[in-house]
Amino acid sequence: MTGASSAPLDRSARPATADALLRASPLPPLEARILLTHVLGWRRTQLITRGDEPLDRASVERYRALEARRAAGEPVAQLVGAREFFGLEFEVTPHVLIPRPETELLVETALAAIANRPHAQVLDLGTGTGAIAVAIASMRPDARVWALDRSSDALTVAARNGARLLDAKRPGGAVTFLQSDWYGSLDPALRFDVIVSNPPYIASGDPHLLEGDLRFEPRGALTDEADGLSAIRAIVAGAPSRLAAGGALWIEHGYDQAHAVRALLDVQGFARVRSERDLAGIERISGGQWPGDGAA
């Protein structure tokens, strides 16, 4: 018997498995699983059923590269190029704000506002990925939807999302994506049953801009480089001439801005002004109804 058999095993030579990569990851388990399924092209359940299968070196290297980038702070949605919103998977790039679950409240409230309005006309200001506009269009196939953004890069992403996620034969037609600084490029004759927006509302000096995922998202989609209300003032001021009688305006805002936004709506002459709370209990959106028939 030779001494070779007593030499320690070289464990580094063993092919890596999904189980081993997940156990060794410094990331939160959910994030590690998302990155690994993205690299491998597997479903989540396959991490269990195939967890002990040897992985090829290229896949392991791709995963570890993404793992390192996430550990350095890059958002998971940008690393995998997608984020789910309102049951739909939206393409995400560094040119657009990452859709967030709390914004689904804005979609739900907008849908309620047009529930009794057949063939409703909908306007989404600052559309980004197109998440709000496309989600509304998917739930209301008869609605005619416009989605505006001043960023041509964002509109390119939004248009791809609309084309991929919506039925090409929907009665309301394709979403109209238009480059515009708020209402500027719209046909002045258009009137909408609901206007929605998730505008930049973070004040320029807010330390959150230097933390977490926000560091990697487009700054212009996050802050107005002022007090956080300048974009909201422009949207509220321009809405009356763009709303049909009884039409509604709903805006997402910061956790401490609800009172200020309601005041802007009151001064402008909106009725039934109120705020709605998200699942965390935060007043996340505020809106009102332009005088006339209908309900906001």
Protein backbone atom coordinates (compact mmCIF):
# COMPACT_ATOMS: atom_id res chain seq x y z
CA MET A 1 0.00 0.00 0.00
CA THR A 2 1.50 3.34 -1.02
CA GLY A 3 1.31 6.59 0.88
CA ALA A 4 -0.51 8.29 -1.97
CA SER A 5 -3.90 7.13 -0.73
CA SER A 6 -3.50 9.02 2.52
CA ALA A 7 -3.00 12.41 0.82
CA PRO A 8 -5.82 14.94 1.54
CA LEU A 9 -8.48 15.34 -1.10
CA ASP A 10 -8.29 18.46 -3.25
CA ARG A 11 -11.84 19.71 -2.71
CA SER A 12 -11.24 22.74 -4.92
CA ALA A 13 -11.01 20.36 -7.87
CA ARG A 14 -14.55 19.14 -7.33
CA PRO A 15 -17.10 20.66 -9.73
CA ALA A 16 -19.24 23.26 -7.98
CA THR A 17 -22.95 22.63 -7.49
CA ALA A 18 -25.87 24.97 -7.00
CA ASP A 19 -26.14 23.82 -3.39
CA ALA A 20 -22.48 24.59 -2.74
CA LEU A 21 -22.63 28.03 -4.36
CA LEU A 22 -25.71 29.02 -2.38
CA ARG A 23 -24.27 27.79 0.92
CA ALA A 24 -21.07 29.75 0.35
CA SER A 25 -22.70 32.95 -0.87
CA PRO A 26 -22.33 36.13 1.23
CA LEU A 27 -25.60 37.42 -0.21
CA PRO A 28 -29.06 37.08 1.32
CA PRO A 29 -30.42 33.69 0.23
CA LEU A 30 -33.20 35.12 -1.97
CA GLU A 31 -30.78 37.33 -3.90
CA ALA A 32 -28.33 34.46 -4.38
CA ARG A 33 -31.10 32.24 -5.72
CA ILE A 34 -32.31 34.91 -8.14
CA LEU A 35 -28.82 35.41 -9.55
CA LEU A 36 -28.11 31.70 -9.84
CA THR A 37 -31.39 30.84 -11.58
CA HIS A 38 -30.70 33.71 -13.98
CA VAL A 39 -27.26 32.38 -14.86
CA LEU A 40 -28.36 28.76 -15.17
CA GLY A 41 -31.69 29.43 -16.86
CA TRP A 42 -33.39 27.29 -14.21
CA ARG A 43 -36.66 27.64 -12.37
CA ARG A 44 -36.47 28.16 -8.60
CA THR A 45 -37.62 24.59 -7.97
CA GLN A 46 -34.70 23.25 -9.99
CA LEU A 47 -32.30 24.63 -7.41
CA ILE A 48 -33.73 21.91 -5.18
CA THR A 49 -34.23 19.10 -7.67
CA ARG A 50 -30.89 19.65 -9.41
CA GLY A 51 -28.97 21.23 -6.55
CA ASP A 52 -26.29 18.53 -6.42
CA GLU A 53 -25.54 18.47 -10.16
CA PRO A 54 -22.01 19.55 -11.17
CA LEU A 55 -22.02 22.92 -12.93
CA ASP A 56 -19.76 23.91 -15.80
CA ARG A 57 -16.97 26.34 -15.02
CA ALA A 58 -18.32 29.11 -17.26
CA SER A 59 -21.65 29.17 -15.39
CA VAL A 60 -19.88 29.23 -12.04
CA GLU A 61 -17.68 32.12 -13.14
CA ARG A 62 -20.68 34.10 -14.45
CA TYR A 63 -22.53 33.57 -11.19
CA ARG A 64 -19.55 34.59 -9.07
CA ALA A 65 -19.08 37.72 -11.17
CA LEU A 66 -22.72 38.74 -10.58
CA GLU A 67 -22.43 37.81 -6.91
CA ALA A 68 -19.44 40.13 -6.55
CA ARG A 69 -21.22 42.97 -8.31
CA ARG A 70 -24.25 42.57 -6.05
CA ALA A 71 -22.02 42.49 -3.00
CA ALA A 72 -20.61 45.81 -4.23
CA GLY A 73 -24.13 47.25 -4.28
CA GLU A 74 -25.46 46.90 -7.83
CA PRO A 75 -29.23 46.26 -7.85
CA VAL A 76 -30.37 42.70 -8.50
CA ALA A 77 -32.88 43.93 -11.08
CA GLN A 78 -30.11 45.52 -13.15
CA LEU A 79 -27.92 42.43 -12.85
CA VAL A 80 -30.62 40.12 -14.19
CA GLY A 81 -32.20 42.77 -16.42
CA ALA A 82 -35.74 42.33 -15.13
CA ARG A 83 -38.16 43.04 -12.28
CA GLU A 84 -41.69 41.77 -11.72
CA PHE A 85 -44.40 44.38 -11.30
CA PHE A 86 -48.15 43.82 -11.15
CA GLY A 87 -47.65 40.22 -12.27
CA LEU A 88 -45.64 41.23 -15.35
CA GLU A 89 -41.90 40.93 -15.88
CA PHE A 90 -40.40 44.21 -17.04
CA GLU A 91 -37.03 44.71 -18.65
CA VAL A 92 -34.77 46.88 -16.49
CA THR A 93 -31.60 48.73 -17.46
CA PRO A 94 -29.49 51.40 -15.74
CA HIS A 95 -31.45 53.99 -17.76
CA VAL A 96 -34.72 53.43 -15.86
CA LEU A 97 -36.02 53.45 -12.32
CA ILE A 98 -36.53 49.94 -10.96
CA PRO A 99 -40.27 49.25 -10.47
CA ARG A 100 -41.13 48.83 -6.81
CA PRO A 101 -44.02 46.97 -5.14
CA GLU A 102 -45.38 50.08 -3.43
CA THR A 103 -46.04 51.67 -6.82
CA GLU A 104 -48.62 48.97 -7.53
CA LEU A 105 -50.94 51.04 -5.31
CA LEU A 106 -50.83 53.77 -7.95
CA VAL A 107 -51.95 51.29 -10.61
CA GLU A 108 -54.74 49.90 -8.44
CA THR A 109 -56.04 53.37 -7.63
CA ALA A 110 -55.92 54.47 -11.26
CA LEU A 111 -57.84 51.38 -12.33
CA ALA A 112 -60.49 52.14 -9.72
CA ALA A 113 -60.75 55.70 -11.03
CA ILE A 114 -61.61 54.51 -14.55
CA ALA A 115 -63.65 51.47 -13.56
CA ASN A 116 -66.88 53.00 -14.88
CA ARG A 117 -65.33 54.78 -17.86
CA PRO A 118 -65.41 52.66 -21.04
CA HIS A 119 -62.53 53.30 -23.45
CA ALA A 120 -60.83 55.47 -20.85
CA GLN A 121 -57.98 57.75 -21.84
CA VAL A 122 -54.96 57.31 -19.55
CA LEU A 123 -51.77 59.38 -19.23
CA ASP A 124 -48.62 58.22 -17.42
CA LEU A 125 -46.06 60.98 -16.85
CA GLY A 126 -42.41 59.98 -16.40
CA THR A 127 -43.06 56.40 -17.48
CA GLY A 128 -39.52 54.97 -17.07
CA THR A 129 -39.82 51.22 -17.71
CA GLY A 130 -43.43 51.74 -18.75
CA ALA A 131 -44.50 49.68 -15.75
CA ILE A 132 -47.47 51.82 -14.69
CA ALA A 133 -48.77 52.43 -18.20
CA VAL A 134 -48.34 48.83 -19.34
CA ALA A 135 -49.88 47.41 -16.17
CA ILE A 136 -52.96 49.61 -16.61
CA ALA A 137 -53.15 48.73 -20.31
CA SER A 138 -52.92 45.03 -19.52
CA MET A 139 -55.80 45.23 -17.04
CA ARG A 140 -57.94 47.49 -19.22
CA PRO A 141 -57.56 46.31 -22.82
CA ASP A 142 -60.08 48.92 -23.99
CA ALA A 143 -58.17 51.87 -22.52
CA ARG A 144 -56.15 54.21 -24.72
CA VAL A 145 -52.86 54.83 -22.94
CA TRP A 146 -50.16 57.46 -23.40
CA ALA A 147 -46.79 57.15 -21.65
CA LEU A 148 -44.38 60.10 -21.57
CA ASP A 149 -40.77 60.51 -20.52
CA ARG A 150 -38.09 63.08 -21.28
CA SER A 151 -35.43 60.34 -21.55
CA SER A 152 -35.13 58.71 -24.96
CA ASP A 153 -33.22 55.82 -23.38
CA ALA A 154 -36.05 55.18 -20.95
CA LEU A 155 -38.64 55.33 -23.74
CA THR A 156 -36.70 52.71 -25.71
CA VAL A 157 -36.92 50.34 -22.74
CA ALA A 158 -40.59 51.19 -22.13
CA ALA A 159 -41.52 50.59 -25.76
CA ARG A 160 -39.86 47.16 -25.70
CA ASN A 161 -41.78 46.29 -22.54
CA GLY A 162 -45.06 47.40 -24.08
CA ALA A 163 -44.48 45.43 -27.27
CA ARG A 164 -43.53 42.28 -25.36
CA LEU A 165 -46.14 42.34 -22.60
CA LEU A 166 -49.29 43.63 -24.30
CA ASP A 167 -51.56 41.91 -26.79
CA ALA A 168 -50.93 43.48 -30.18
CA LYS A 169 -54.67 43.18 -30.87
CA ARG A 170 -55.88 44.88 -27.68
CA PRO A 171 -58.93 47.08 -28.47
CA GLY A 172 -57.27 50.19 -27.06
CA GLY A 173 -54.32 49.79 -29.40
CA ALA A 174 -50.65 50.00 -28.56
CA VAL A 175 -49.49 52.34 -25.82
CA THR A 176 -48.32 55.65 -27.27
CA PHE A 177 -44.79 56.35 -26.02
CA LEU A 178 -43.81 59.98 -26.43
CA GLN A 179 -40.71 61.96 -25.51
CA SER A 180 -41.89 64.93 -23.51
CA ASP A 181 -41.02 67.12 -20.54
CA TRP A 182 -44.27 66.52 -18.65
CA TYR A 183 -47.17 67.72 -20.81
CA GLY A 184 -45.11 69.66 -23.33
CA SER A 185 -45.33 67.37 -26.39
CA LEU A 186 -48.95 66.31 -26.01
CA ASP A 187 -51.68 67.32 -28.43
CA PRO A 188 -53.43 70.18 -26.56
CA ALA A 189 -56.83 68.77 -27.56
CA LEU A 190 -56.36 65.50 -25.66
CA ARG A 191 -58.31 65.02 -22.44
CA PHE A 192 -57.69 62.16 -20.02
CA ASP A 193 -59.86 60.24 -17.61
CA VAL A 194 -56.93 59.62 -15.31
CA ILE A 195 -53.40 61.01 -15.10
CA VAL A 196 -50.84 59.10 -13.05
CA SER A 197 -47.22 59.79 -12.24
CA ASN A 198 -44.34 58.51 -10.17
CA PRO A 199 -42.14 61.60 -10.60
CA PRO A 200 -38.73 62.41 -9.07
CA TYR A 201 -39.66 63.43 -5.53
CA ILE A 202 -36.49 63.00 -3.46
CA ALA A 203 -34.95 66.31 -2.32
CA SER A 204 -31.49 67.00 -3.70
CA GLY A 205 -29.69 66.73 -0.35
CA ASP A 206 -31.39 63.56 0.84
CA PRO A 207 -28.75 61.06 2.01
CA HIS A 208 -30.77 58.16 0.60
CA LEU A 209 -29.53 59.14 -2.85
CA LEU A 210 -26.10 57.88 -1.79
CA GLU A 211 -27.34 54.59 -0.35
CA GLY A 212 -28.35 51.15 -1.63
CA ASP A 213 -29.83 50.62 -5.07
CA LEU A 214 -30.47 54.35 -5.56
CA ARG A 215 -26.76 54.89 -6.22
CA PHE A 216 -27.10 52.93 -9.46
CA GLU A 217 -30.43 54.28 -10.73
CA PRO A 218 -30.80 57.35 -12.98
CA ARG A 219 -30.58 60.38 -10.72
CA GLY A 220 -33.04 62.34 -12.85
CA ALA A 221 -35.74 59.77 -12.11
CA LEU A 222 -35.15 60.10 -8.37
CA THR A 223 -34.62 63.76 -7.54
CA ASP A 224 -35.74 67.09 -8.95
CA GLU A 225 -32.46 68.59 -7.69
CA ALA A 226 -34.60 70.88 -5.54
CA ASP A 227 -37.03 70.39 -2.65
CA GLY A 228 -38.58 67.20 -4.03
CA LEU A 229 -41.84 68.92 -4.96
CA SER A 230 -41.01 70.90 -8.10
CA ALA A 231 -42.01 68.08 -10.49
CA ILE A 232 -45.18 67.47 -8.52
CA ARG A 233 -46.05 71.19 -8.69
CA ALA A 234 -45.68 71.11 -12.49
CA ILE A 235 -47.84 67.99 -12.80
CA VAL A 236 -50.61 69.36 -10.57
CA ALA A 237 -50.59 72.76 -12.26
CA GLY A 238 -50.82 71.29 -15.74
CA ALA A 239 -53.46 68.65 -15.00
CA PRO A 240 -56.66 70.75 -15.08
CA SER A 241 -56.28 71.59 -18.76
CA ARG A 242 -55.59 67.92 -19.56
CA LEU A 243 -58.33 66.19 -17.56
CA ALA A 244 -61.82 65.34 -18.72
CA ALA A 245 -64.67 66.38 -16.44
CA GLY A 246 -64.60 64.12 -13.40
CA GLY A 247 -61.17 62.83 -14.33
CA ALA A 248 -58.63 61.95 -11.64
CA LEU A 249 -55.01 62.78 -10.94
CA TRP A 250 -52.89 60.46 -8.78
CA ILE A 251 -49.26 61.00 -7.87
CA GLU A 252 -46.76 58.90 -5.94
CA HIS A 253 -44.63 60.86 -3.46
CA GLY A 254 -42.29 60.57 -0.51
CA TYR A 255 -43.27 59.23 2.90
CA ASP A 256 -43.46 62.77 4.39
CA GLN A 257 -44.94 64.66 1.44
CA ALA A 258 -48.62 63.70 1.54
CA HIS A 259 -49.76 66.85 3.36
CA ALA A 260 -47.86 69.10 0.93
CA VAL A 261 -49.23 67.31 -2.13
CA ARG A 262 -52.80 67.47 -0.85
CA ALA A 263 -52.33 71.19 -0.31
CA LEU A 264 -51.19 71.63 -3.92
CA LEU A 265 -54.25 69.74 -5.15
CA ASP A 266 -56.59 71.79 -2.96
CA VAL A 267 -55.15 75.10 -4.16
CA GLN A 268 -55.48 74.01 -7.78
CA GLY A 269 -59.20 73.31 -7.28
CA PHE A 270 -59.34 69.51 -7.14
CA ALA A 271 -62.22 67.85 -5.30
CA ARG A 272 -62.24 64.71 -3.16
CA VAL A 273 -58.56 65.16 -2.38
CA ARG A 274 -57.11 62.33 -0.34
CA SER A 275 -54.07 60.13 0.21
CA GLU A 276 -53.86 56.34 0.13
CA ARG A 277 -51.57 54.22 2.31
CA ASP A 278 -49.38 51.40 1.07
CA LEU A 279 -49.00 48.03 2.80
CA ALA A 280 -46.44 49.55 5.18
CA GLY A 281 -49.02 52.10 6.33
CA ILE A 282 -47.26 55.01 4.61
CA GLU A 283 -49.25 57.66 2.75
CA ARG A 284 -47.74 56.71 -0.60
CA ILE A 285 -49.98 58.41 -3.16
CA SER A 286 -52.25 61.44 -3.21
CA GLY A 287 -54.83 62.56 -5.71
CA GLY A 288 -58.16 64.11 -6.43
CA GLN A 289 -60.94 64.57 -8.95
CA TRP A 290 -61.32 67.40 -11.40
CA PRO A 291 -64.84 68.86 -11.01
CA GLY A 292 -67.49 67.15 -13.07
CA ASP A 293 -69.30 63.84 -13.24
CA GLY A 294 -67.67 60.58 -12.19
CA ALA A 295 -65.71 59.34 -9.22
CA ALA A 296 -62.02 59.49 -8.42
